[in-house]
């Protein structure tokens, strides 16, 4: 399991965390390996944490990029942009397989 933190920015946030969670779930493909999503919104956008079942950190980062870009294709997010994306590895994790 890999955690990917993403930041989506917008001039004015008009959606709820529940909406973005649902959008992430609806936008995910089976190969993305989305297990869970946590979102926190603020007036300028949202922080999204994706829990992805992927074999490596690189595969998780690629899946997160695909998923976040599909989310940004939604009409409700037409003025949003991907500001940041970073992977988080649990302490002691060796990602070289």
PDB file of N, CA and C in Angstrom:
ATOM      1  N   UNK A   1       0.856  -1.175   0.000  1.00  0.00           N
ATOM      2  CA  UNK A   1       0.000   0.000   0.000  1.00  0.00           C
ATOM      3  C   UNK A   1       0.899   1.234   0.000  1.00  0.00           C
ATOM      4  N   UNK A   2       0.571   2.166  -0.844  1.00  0.00           N
ATOM      5  CA  UNK A   2       1.312   3.427  -0.938  1.00  0.00           C
ATOM      6  C   UNK A   2       0.350   4.591  -0.734  1.00  0.00           C
ATOM      7  N   UNK A   3       0.841   5.628  -0.079  1.00  0.00           N
ATOM      8  CA  UNK A   3       0.066   6.844   0.142  1.00  0.00           C
ATOM      9  C   UNK A   3       0.620   7.933  -0.754  1.00  0.00           C
ATOM     10  N   UNK A   4      -0.267   8.559  -1.506  1.00  0.00           N
ATOM     11  CA  UNK A   4       0.116   9.670  -2.374  1.00  0.00           C
ATOM     12  C   UNK A   4      -0.690  10.886  -1.946  1.00  0.00           C
ATOM     13  N   UNK A   5       0.003  11.967  -1.687  1.00  0.00           N
ATOM     14  CA  UNK A   5      -0.628  13.220  -1.287  1.00  0.00           C
ATOM     15  C   UNK A   5      -0.667  14.146  -2.495  1.00  0.00           C
ATOM     16  N   UNK A   6      -1.842  14.657  -2.810  1.00  0.00           N
ATOM     17  CA  UNK A   6      -1.988  15.590  -3.925  1.00  0.00           C
ATOM     18  C   UNK A   6      -2.639  16.881  -3.474  1.00  0.00           C
ATOM     19  N   UNK A   7      -2.298  17.948  -4.152  1.00  0.00           N
ATOM     20  CA  UNK A   7      -2.911  19.253  -3.878  1.00  0.00           C
ATOM     21  C   UNK A   7      -3.535  19.762  -5.164  1.00  0.00           C
ATOM     22  N   UNK A   8      -4.830  20.043  -5.116  1.00  0.00           N
ATOM     23  CA  UNK A   8      -5.552  20.638  -6.230  1.00  0.00           C
ATOM     24  C   UNK A   8      -5.908  22.064  -5.844  1.00  0.00           C
ATOM     25  N   UNK A   9      -5.537  23.014  -6.687  1.00  0.00           N
ATOM     26  CA  UNK A   9      -5.812  24.432  -6.430  1.00  0.00           C
ATOM     27  C   UNK A   9      -6.903  24.952  -7.349  1.00  0.00           C
ATOM     28  N   UNK A  10      -7.628  25.955  -6.864  1.00  0.00           N
ATOM     29  CA  UNK A  10      -8.682  26.608  -7.625  1.00  0.00           C
ATOM     30  C   UNK A  10      -8.826  28.043  -7.119  1.00  0.00           C
ATOM     31  N   UNK A  11      -9.302  28.952  -7.956  1.00  0.00           N
ATOM     32  CA  UNK A  11      -9.513  30.318  -7.481  1.00  0.00           C
ATOM     33  C   UNK A  11     -10.533  30.402  -6.343  1.00  0.00           C
ATOM     34  N   UNK A  12     -11.528  29.514  -6.368  1.00  0.00           N
ATOM     35  CA  UNK A  12     -12.547  29.514  -5.317  1.00  0.00           C
ATOM     36  C   UNK A  12     -13.144  28.116  -5.221  1.00  0.00           C
ATOM     37  N   UNK A  13     -12.973  27.489  -4.082  1.00  0.00           N
ATOM     38  CA  UNK A  13     -13.467  26.125  -3.883  1.00  0.00           C
ATOM     39  C   UNK A  13     -14.969  26.142  -3.647  1.00  0.00           C
ATOM     40  N   UNK A  14     -15.698  25.430  -4.504  1.00  0.00           N
ATOM     41  CA  UNK A  14     -17.158  25.371  -4.392  1.00  0.00           C
ATOM     42  C   UNK A  14     -17.666  23.939  -4.229  1.00  0.00           C
ATOM     43  N   UNK A  15     -16.780  23.022  -3.900  1.00  0.00           N
ATOM     44  CA  UNK A  15     -17.188  21.626  -3.745  1.00  0.00           C
ATOM     45  C   UNK A  15     -16.809  21.138  -2.347  1.00  0.00           C
ATOM     46  N   UNK A  16     -17.442  20.063  -1.938  1.00  0.00           N
ATOM     47  CA  UNK A  16     -17.190  19.496  -0.613  1.00  0.00           C
ATOM     48  C   UNK A  16     -16.159  18.373  -0.691  1.00  0.00           C
ATOM     49  N   UNK A  17     -15.630  18.018   0.464  1.00  0.00           N
ATOM     50  CA  UNK A  17     -14.716  16.882   0.534  1.00  0.00           C
ATOM     51  C   UNK A  17     -15.432  15.605   0.095  1.00  0.00           C
ATOM     52  N   UNK A  18     -16.678  15.452   0.491  1.00  0.00           N
ATOM     53  CA  UNK A  18     -17.447  14.266   0.097  1.00  0.00           C
ATOM     54  C   UNK A  18     -17.579  14.178  -1.421  1.00  0.00           C
ATOM     55  N   UNK A  19     -17.807  15.321  -2.087  1.00  0.00           N
ATOM     56  CA  UNK A  19     -17.897  15.326  -3.549  1.00  0.00           C
ATOM     57  C   UNK A  19     -16.580  14.865  -4.161  1.00  0.00           C
ATOM     58  N   UNK A  20     -15.456  15.379  -3.668  1.00  0.00           N
ATOM     59  CA  UNK A  20     -14.156  15.001  -4.226  1.00  0.00           C
ATOM     60  C   UNK A  20     -13.826  13.539  -3.944  1.00  0.00           C
ATOM     61  N   UNK A  21     -14.194  13.039  -2.771  1.00  0.00           N
ATOM     62  CA  UNK A  21     -13.992  11.615  -2.481  1.00  0.00           C
ATOM     63  C   UNK A  21     -14.771  10.754  -3.471  1.00  0.00           C
ATOM     64  N   UNK A  22     -16.023  11.126  -3.702  1.00  0.00           N
ATOM     65  CA  UNK A  22     -16.869  10.386  -4.645  1.00  0.00           C
ATOM     66  C   UNK A  22     -16.303  10.484  -6.062  1.00  0.00           C
ATOM     67  N   UNK A  23     -15.837  11.679  -6.443  1.00  0.00           N
ATOM     68  CA  UNK A  23     -15.254  11.870  -7.769  1.00  0.00           C
ATOM     69  C   UNK A  23     -14.006  11.010  -7.940  1.00  0.00           C
ATOM     70  N   UNK A  24     -13.168  10.935  -6.920  1.00  0.00           N
ATOM     71  CA  UNK A  24     -11.971  10.095  -6.996  1.00  0.00           C
ATOM     72  C   UNK A  24     -12.355   8.632  -7.176  1.00  0.00           C
ATOM     73  N   UNK A  25     -13.312   8.174  -6.391  1.00  0.00           N
ATOM     74  CA  UNK A  25     -13.762   6.784  -6.491  1.00  0.00           C
ATOM     75  C   UNK A  25     -14.364   6.500  -7.862  1.00  0.00           C
ATOM     76  N   UNK A  26     -15.189   7.412  -8.350  1.00  0.00           N
ATOM     77  CA  UNK A  26     -15.824   7.230  -9.657  1.00  0.00           C
ATOM     78  C   UNK A  26     -14.818   7.323 -10.802  1.00  0.00           C
ATOM     79  N   UNK A  27     -13.744   8.086 -10.621  1.00  0.00           N
ATOM     80  CA  UNK A  27     -12.747   8.284 -11.676  1.00  0.00           C
ATOM     81  C   UNK A  27     -11.704   7.177 -11.715  1.00  0.00           C
ATOM     82  N   UNK A  28     -11.615   6.391 -10.659  1.00  0.00           N
ATOM     83  CA  UNK A  28     -10.579   5.364 -10.561  1.00  0.00           C
ATOM     84  C   UNK A  28     -10.881   4.179 -11.467  1.00  0.00           C
ATOM     85  N   UNK A  29      -9.832   3.689 -12.106  1.00  0.00           N
ATOM     86  CA  UNK A  29      -9.886   2.433 -12.852  1.00  0.00           C
ATOM     87  C   UNK A  29      -9.373   1.319 -11.945  1.00  0.00           C
ATOM     88  N   UNK A  30      -9.718   0.089 -12.262  1.00  0.00           N
ATOM     89  CA  UNK A  30      -9.272  -1.041 -11.446  1.00  0.00           C
ATOM     90  C   UNK A  30      -7.751  -1.080 -11.331  1.00  0.00           C
ATOM     91  N   UNK A  31      -7.048  -0.763 -12.417  1.00  0.00           N
ATOM     92  CA  UNK A  31      -5.581  -0.825 -12.377  1.00  0.00           C
ATOM     93  C   UNK A  31      -4.948   0.297 -11.549  1.00  0.00           C
ATOM     94  N   UNK A  32      -5.728   1.298 -11.166  1.00  0.00           N
ATOM     95  CA  UNK A  32      -5.197   2.342 -10.278  1.00  0.00           C
ATOM     96  C   UNK A  32      -4.959   1.795  -8.871  1.00  0.00           C
ATOM     97  N   UNK A  33      -5.728   0.801  -8.474  1.00  0.00           N
ATOM     98  CA  UNK A  33      -5.558   0.198  -7.156  1.00  0.00           C
ATOM     99  C   UNK A  33      -6.005   1.090  -6.012  1.00  0.00           C
ATOM    100  N   UNK A  34      -6.993   1.956  -6.256  1.00  0.00           N
ATOM    101  CA  UNK A  34      -7.469   2.856  -5.203  1.00  0.00           C
ATOM    102  C   UNK A  34      -8.198   2.056  -4.128  1.00  0.00           C
ATOM    103  N   UNK A  35      -7.681   2.118  -2.905  1.00  0.00           N
ATOM    104  CA  UNK A  35      -8.291   1.436  -1.769  1.00  0.00           C
ATOM    105  C   UNK A  35      -9.102   2.392  -0.907  1.00  0.00           C
ATOM    106  N   UNK A  36      -8.618   3.629  -0.787  1.00  0.00           N
ATOM    107  CA  UNK A  36      -9.269   4.607   0.087  1.00  0.00           C
ATOM    108  C   UNK A  36      -8.819   5.993  -0.343  1.00  0.00           C
ATOM    109  N   UNK A  37      -9.651   6.995  -0.069  1.00  0.00           N
ATOM    110  CA  UNK A  37      -9.286   8.383  -0.358  1.00  0.00           C
ATOM    111  C   UNK A  37      -9.729   9.258   0.809  1.00  0.00           C
ATOM    112  N   UNK A  38      -8.890  10.211   1.169  1.00  0.00           N
ATOM    113  CA  UNK A  38      -9.212  11.195   2.201  1.00  0.00           C
ATOM    114  C   UNK A  38      -8.996  12.576   1.598  1.00  0.00           C
ATOM    115  N   UNK A  39      -9.952  13.464   1.780  1.00  0.00           N
ATOM    116  CA  UNK A  39      -9.877  14.808   1.206  1.00  0.00           C
ATOM    117  C   UNK A  39     -10.217  15.852   2.257  1.00  0.00           C
ATOM    118  N   UNK A  40      -9.473  16.932   2.226  1.00  0.00           N
ATOM    119  CA  UNK A  40      -9.761  18.090   3.076  1.00  0.00           C
ATOM    120  C   UNK A  40      -9.774  19.324   2.178  1.00  0.00           C
ATOM    121  N   UNK A  41     -10.894  20.060   2.186  1.00  0.00           N
ATOM    122  CA  UNK A  41     -11.015  21.246   1.331  1.00  0.00           C
ATOM    123  C   UNK A  41     -10.767  22.514   2.141  1.00  0.00           C
ATOM    124  N   UNK A  42     -10.348  23.555   1.424  1.00  0.00           N
ATOM    125  CA  UNK A  42     -10.194  24.885   1.998  1.00  0.00           C
ATOM    126  C   UNK A  42     -10.620  25.878   0.919  1.00  0.00           C
ATOM    127  N   UNK A  43     -10.644  27.166   1.193  1.00  0.00           N
ATOM    128  CA  UNK A  43     -11.132  28.133   0.200  1.00  0.00           C
ATOM    129  C   UNK A  43     -10.356  28.153  -1.119  1.00  0.00           C
ATOM    130  N   UNK A  44      -9.123  27.650  -1.112  1.00  0.00           N
ATOM    131  CA  UNK A  44      -8.287  27.709  -2.324  1.00  0.00           C
ATOM    132  C   UNK A  44      -8.084  26.364  -2.997  1.00  0.00           C
ATOM    133  N   UNK A  45      -8.770  25.313  -2.544  1.00  0.00           N
ATOM    134  CA  UNK A  45      -8.602  24.016  -3.179  1.00  0.00           C
ATOM    135  C   UNK A  45      -8.776  22.871  -2.212  1.00  0.00           C
ATOM    136  N   UNK A  46      -7.994  21.805  -2.450  1.00  0.00           N
ATOM    137  CA  UNK A  46      -8.146  20.602  -1.640  1.00  0.00           C
ATOM    138  C   UNK A  46      -6.847  19.823  -1.562  1.00  0.00           C
ATOM    139  N   UNK A  47      -6.636  19.218  -0.403  1.00  0.00           N
ATOM    140  CA  UNK A  47      -5.568  18.240  -0.221  1.00  0.00           C
ATOM    141  C   UNK A  47      -6.222  16.873  -0.295  1.00  0.00           C
ATOM    142  N   UNK A  48      -5.627  15.992  -1.089  1.00  0.00           N
ATOM    143  CA  UNK A  48      -6.190  14.662  -1.296  1.00  0.00           C
ATOM    144  C   UNK A  48      -5.117  13.628  -0.981  1.00  0.00           C
ATOM    145  N   UNK A  49      -5.473  12.640  -0.169  1.00  0.00           N
ATOM    146  CA  UNK A  49      -4.577  11.528   0.114  1.00  0.00           C
ATOM    147  C   UNK A  49      -5.187  10.287  -0.520  1.00  0.00           C
ATOM    148  N   UNK A  50      -4.427   9.671  -1.417  1.00  0.00           N
ATOM    149  CA  UNK A  50      -4.856   8.458  -2.104  1.00  0.00           C
ATOM    150  C   UNK A  50      -4.103   7.271  -1.510  1.00  0.00           C
ATOM    151  N   UNK A  51      -4.824   6.251  -1.119  1.00  0.00           N
ATOM    152  CA  UNK A  51      -4.235   5.013  -0.632  1.00  0.00           C
ATOM    153  C   UNK A  51      -4.313   4.032  -1.799  1.00  0.00           C
ATOM    154  N   UNK A  52      -3.166   3.709  -2.377  1.00  0.00           N
ATOM    155  CA  UNK A  52      -3.128   2.925  -3.608  1.00  0.00           C
ATOM    156  C   UNK A  52      -2.413   1.600  -3.394  1.00  0.00           C
ATOM    157  N   UNK A  53      -3.043   0.537  -3.838  1.00  0.00           N
ATOM    158  CA  UNK A  53      -2.440  -0.788  -3.784  1.00  0.00           C
ATOM    159  C   UNK A  53      -1.653  -0.983  -5.077  1.00  0.00           C
ATOM    160  N   UNK A  54      -0.354  -0.705  -5.003  1.00  0.00           N
ATOM    161  CA  UNK A  54       0.550  -0.808  -6.147  1.00  0.00           C
ATOM    162  C   UNK A  54       1.839  -1.480  -5.685  1.00  0.00           C
ATOM    163  N   UNK A  55       2.556  -2.151  -6.592  1.00  0.00           N
ATOM    164  CA  UNK A  55       3.757  -2.882  -6.176  1.00  0.00           C
ATOM    165  C   UNK A  55       4.947  -1.995  -5.813  1.00  0.00           C
ATOM    166  N   UNK A  56       5.037  -0.797  -6.379  1.00  0.00           N
ATOM    167  CA  UNK A  56       6.175   0.088  -6.115  1.00  0.00           C
ATOM    168  C   UNK A  56       5.697   1.525  -5.950  1.00  0.00           C
ATOM    169  N   UNK A  57       6.566   2.340  -5.389  1.00  0.00           N
ATOM    170  CA  UNK A  57       6.248   3.764  -5.249  1.00  0.00           C
ATOM    171  C   UNK A  57       6.088   4.421  -6.614  1.00  0.00           C
ATOM    172  N   UNK A  58       6.906   4.027  -7.571  1.00  0.00           N
ATOM    173  CA  UNK A  58       6.805   4.600  -8.921  1.00  0.00           C
ATOM    174  C   UNK A  58       5.469   4.249  -9.564  1.00  0.00           C
ATOM    175  N   UNK A  59       5.020   3.012  -9.394  1.00  0.00           N
ATOM    176  CA  UNK A  59       3.727   2.604  -9.947  1.00  0.00           C
ATOM    177  C   UNK A  59       2.592   3.361  -9.259  1.00  0.00           C
ATOM    178  N   UNK A  60       2.714   3.574  -7.953  1.00  0.00           N
ATOM    179  CA  UNK A  60       1.692   4.329  -7.221  1.00  0.00           C
ATOM    180  C   UNK A  60       1.655   5.780  -7.682  1.00  0.00           C
ATOM    181  N   UNK A  61       2.818   6.383  -7.895  1.00  0.00           N
ATOM    182  CA  UNK A  61       2.872   7.771  -8.369  1.00  0.00           C
ATOM    183  C   UNK A  61       2.233   7.894  -9.745  1.00  0.00           C
ATOM    184  N   UNK A  62       2.512   6.948 -10.630  1.00  0.00           N
ATOM    185  CA  UNK A  62       1.923   6.977 -11.975  1.00  0.00           C
ATOM    186  C   UNK A  62       0.407   6.806 -11.900  1.00  0.00           C
ATOM    187  N   UNK A  63      -0.061   5.894 -11.056  1.00  0.00           N
ATOM    188  CA  UNK A  63      -1.506   5.687 -10.897  1.00  0.00           C
ATOM    189  C   UNK A  63      -2.164   6.942 -10.329  1.00  0.00           C
ATOM    190  N   UNK A  64      -1.521   7.575  -9.358  1.00  0.00           N
ATOM    191  CA  UNK A  64      -2.073   8.805  -8.775  1.00  0.00           C
ATOM    192  C   UNK A  64      -2.155   9.909  -9.814  1.00  0.00           C
ATOM    193  N   UNK A  65      -1.112  10.054 -10.622  1.00  0.00           N
ATOM    194  CA  UNK A  65      -1.135  11.078 -11.675  1.00  0.00           C
ATOM    195  C   UNK A  65      -2.304  10.851 -12.625  1.00  0.00           C
ATOM    196  N   UNK A  66      -2.481   9.604 -13.062  1.00  0.00           N
ATOM    197  CA  UNK A  66      -3.590   9.295 -13.976  1.00  0.00           C
ATOM    198  C   UNK A  66      -4.931   9.616 -13.329  1.00  0.00           C
ATOM    199  N   UNK A  67      -5.096   9.208 -12.079  1.00  0.00           N
ATOM    200  CA  UNK A  67      -6.362   9.413 -11.375  1.00  0.00           C
ATOM    201  C   UNK A  67      -6.637  10.899 -11.145  1.00  0.00           C
ATOM    202  N   UNK A  68      -5.650  11.637 -10.677  1.00  0.00           N
ATOM    203  CA  UNK A  68      -5.849  13.068 -10.428  1.00  0.00           C
ATOM    204  C   UNK A  68      -6.167  13.817 -11.719  1.00  0.00           C
ATOM    205  N   UNK A  69      -5.514  13.452 -12.813  1.00  0.00           N
ATOM    206  CA  UNK A  69      -5.800  14.112 -14.095  1.00  0.00           C
ATOM    207  C   UNK A  69      -7.201  13.770 -14.597  1.00  0.00           C
ATOM    208  N   UNK A  70      -7.648  12.530 -14.374  1.00  0.00           N
ATOM    209  CA  UNK A  70      -9.030  12.182 -14.743  1.00  0.00           C
ATOM    210  C   UNK A  70     -10.015  12.986 -13.904  1.00  0.00           C
ATOM    211  N   UNK A  71      -9.716  13.177 -12.625  1.00  0.00           N
ATOM    212  CA  UNK A  71     -10.592  13.991 -11.773  1.00  0.00           C
ATOM    213  C   UNK A  71     -10.685  15.416 -12.311  1.00  0.00           C
ATOM    214  N   UNK A  72      -9.564  15.967 -12.747  1.00  0.00           N
ATOM    215  CA  UNK A  72      -9.548  17.344 -13.244  1.00  0.00           C
ATOM    216  C   UNK A  72     -10.317  17.505 -14.550  1.00  0.00           C
ATOM    217  N   UNK A  73     -10.619  16.399 -15.226  1.00  0.00           N
ATOM    218  CA  UNK A  73     -11.442  16.449 -16.444  1.00  0.00           C
ATOM    219  C   UNK A  73     -12.922  16.676 -16.134  1.00  0.00           C
ATOM    220  N   UNK A  74     -13.322  16.517 -14.880  1.00  0.00           N
ATOM    221  CA  UNK A  74     -14.729  16.696 -14.504  1.00  0.00           C
ATOM    222  C   UNK A  74     -15.137  18.157 -14.671  1.00  0.00           C
ATOM    223  N   UNK A  75     -16.338  18.372 -15.161  1.00  0.00           N
ATOM    224  CA  UNK A  75     -16.846  19.735 -15.383  1.00  0.00           C
ATOM    225  C   UNK A  75     -16.821  20.564 -14.097  1.00  0.00           C
ATOM    226  N   UNK A  76     -17.126  19.945 -12.973  1.00  0.00           N
ATOM    227  CA  UNK A  76     -17.152  20.680 -11.700  1.00  0.00           C
ATOM    228  C   UNK A  76     -15.779  21.216 -11.303  1.00  0.00           C
ATOM    229  N   UNK A  77     -14.719  20.663 -11.880  1.00  0.00           N
ATOM    230  CA  UNK A  77     -13.357  21.099 -11.554  1.00  0.00           C
ATOM    231  C   UNK A  77     -12.698  21.814 -12.733  1.00  0.00           C
ATOM    232  N   UNK A  78     -13.489  22.453 -13.584  1.00  0.00           N
ATOM    233  CA  UNK A  78     -12.949  23.050 -14.813  1.00  0.00           C
ATOM    234  C   UNK A  78     -11.896  24.123 -14.561  1.00  0.00           C
ATOM    235  N   UNK A  79     -11.919  24.801 -13.418  1.00  0.00           N
ATOM    236  CA  UNK A  79     -10.922  25.843 -13.151  1.00  0.00           C
ATOM    237  C   UNK A  79      -9.888  25.405 -12.101  1.00  0.00           C
ATOM    238  N   UNK A  80      -9.794  24.111 -11.861  1.00  0.00           N
ATOM    239  CA  UNK A  80      -8.835  23.560 -10.911  1.00  0.00           C
ATOM    240  C   UNK A  80      -7.562  23.135 -11.633  1.00  0.00           C
ATOM    241  N   UNK A  81      -6.458  23.009 -10.874  1.00  0.00           N
ATOM    242  CA  UNK A  81      -5.202  22.508 -11.444  1.00  0.00           C
ATOM    243  C   UNK A  81      -4.483  21.667 -10.390  1.00  0.00           C
ATOM    244  N   UNK A  82      -3.660  20.763 -10.866  1.00  0.00           N
ATOM    245  CA  UNK A  82      -2.825  19.955  -9.982  1.00  0.00           C
ATOM    246  C   UNK A  82      -1.622  20.799  -9.571  1.00  0.00           C
ATOM    247  N   UNK A  83      -1.539  21.140  -8.303  1.00  0.00           N
ATOM    248  CA  UNK A  83      -0.457  21.994  -7.810  1.00  0.00           C
ATOM    249  C   UNK A  83       0.726  21.185  -7.285  1.00  0.00           C
ATOM    250  N   UNK A  84       0.450  19.977  -6.791  1.00  0.00           N
ATOM    251  CA  UNK A  84       1.499  19.216  -6.116  1.00  0.00           C
ATOM    252  C   UNK A  84       1.063  17.763  -6.000  1.00  0.00           C
ATOM    253  N   UNK A  85       2.043  16.874  -6.087  1.00  0.00           N
ATOM    254  CA  UNK A  85       1.794  15.456  -5.828  1.00  0.00           C
ATOM    255  C   UNK A  85       3.076  14.859  -5.268  1.00  0.00           C
ATOM    256  N   UNK A  86       2.981  14.127  -4.181  1.00  0.00           N
ATOM    257  CA  UNK A  86       4.157  13.506  -3.570  1.00  0.00           C
ATOM    258  C   UNK A  86       3.778  12.164  -2.978  1.00  0.00           C
ATOM    259  N   UNK A  87       4.709  11.230  -3.054  1.00  0.00           N
ATOM    260  CA  UNK A  87       4.502   9.923  -2.451  1.00  0.00           C
ATOM    261  C   UNK A  87       4.998   9.906  -1.021  1.00  0.00           C
ATOM    262  N   UNK A  88       4.330   9.141  -0.208  1.00  0.00           N
ATOM    263  CA  UNK A  88       4.713   8.983   1.189  1.00  0.00           C
ATOM    264  C   UNK A  88       4.976   7.508   1.437  1.00  0.00           C
ATOM    265  N   UNK A  89       6.182   7.172   1.872  1.00  0.00           N
ATOM    266  CA  UNK A  89       6.520   5.783   2.157  1.00  0.00           C
ATOM    267  C   UNK A  89       6.538   5.561   3.664  1.00  0.00           C
ATOM    268  N   UNK A  90       5.956   4.458   4.120  1.00  0.00           N
ATOM    269  CA  UNK A  90       6.030   4.147   5.547  1.00  0.00           C
ATOM    270  C   UNK A  90       7.481   3.969   5.983  1.00  0.00           C
ATOM    271  N   UNK A  91       7.780   4.327   7.205  1.00  0.00           N
ATOM    272  CA  UNK A  91       9.138   4.200   7.727  1.00  0.00           C
ATOM    273  C   UNK A  91       9.604   2.755   7.651  1.00  0.00           C
ATOM    274  N   UNK A  92      10.824   2.565   7.183  1.00  0.00           N
ATOM    275  CA  UNK A  92      11.380   1.226   7.081  1.00  0.00           C
ATOM    276  C   UNK A  92      10.992   0.486   5.816  1.00  0.00           C
ATOM    277  N   UNK A  93      10.292   1.139   4.905  1.00  0.00           N
ATOM    278  CA  UNK A  93       9.870   0.493   3.665  1.00  0.00           C
ATOM    279  C   UNK A  93      11.020   0.462   2.679  1.00  0.00           C
ATOM    280  N   UNK A  94      11.266  -0.698   2.110  1.00  0.00           N
ATOM    281  CA  UNK A  94      12.258  -0.831   1.041  1.00  0.00           C
ATOM    282  C   UNK A  94      11.491  -1.032  -0.246  1.00  0.00           C
ATOM    283  N   UNK A  95      11.519  -0.039  -1.119  1.00  0.00           N
ATOM    284  CA  UNK A  95      10.722  -0.081  -2.339  1.00  0.00           C
ATOM    285  C   UNK A  95      11.478  -0.682  -3.517  1.00  0.00           C
ATOM    286  N   UNK A  96      12.649  -1.230  -3.300  1.00  0.00           N
ATOM    287  CA  UNK A  96      13.410  -1.823  -4.401  1.00  0.00           C
ATOM    288  C   UNK A  96      13.118  -3.312  -4.449  1.00  0.00           C
ATOM    289  N   UNK A  97      12.369  -3.719  -5.469  1.00  0.00           N
ATOM    290  CA  UNK A  97      12.004  -5.136  -5.611  1.00  0.00           C
ATOM    291  C   UNK A  97      12.590  -5.679  -6.878  1.00  0.00           C
TER     292      UNK A  97
END
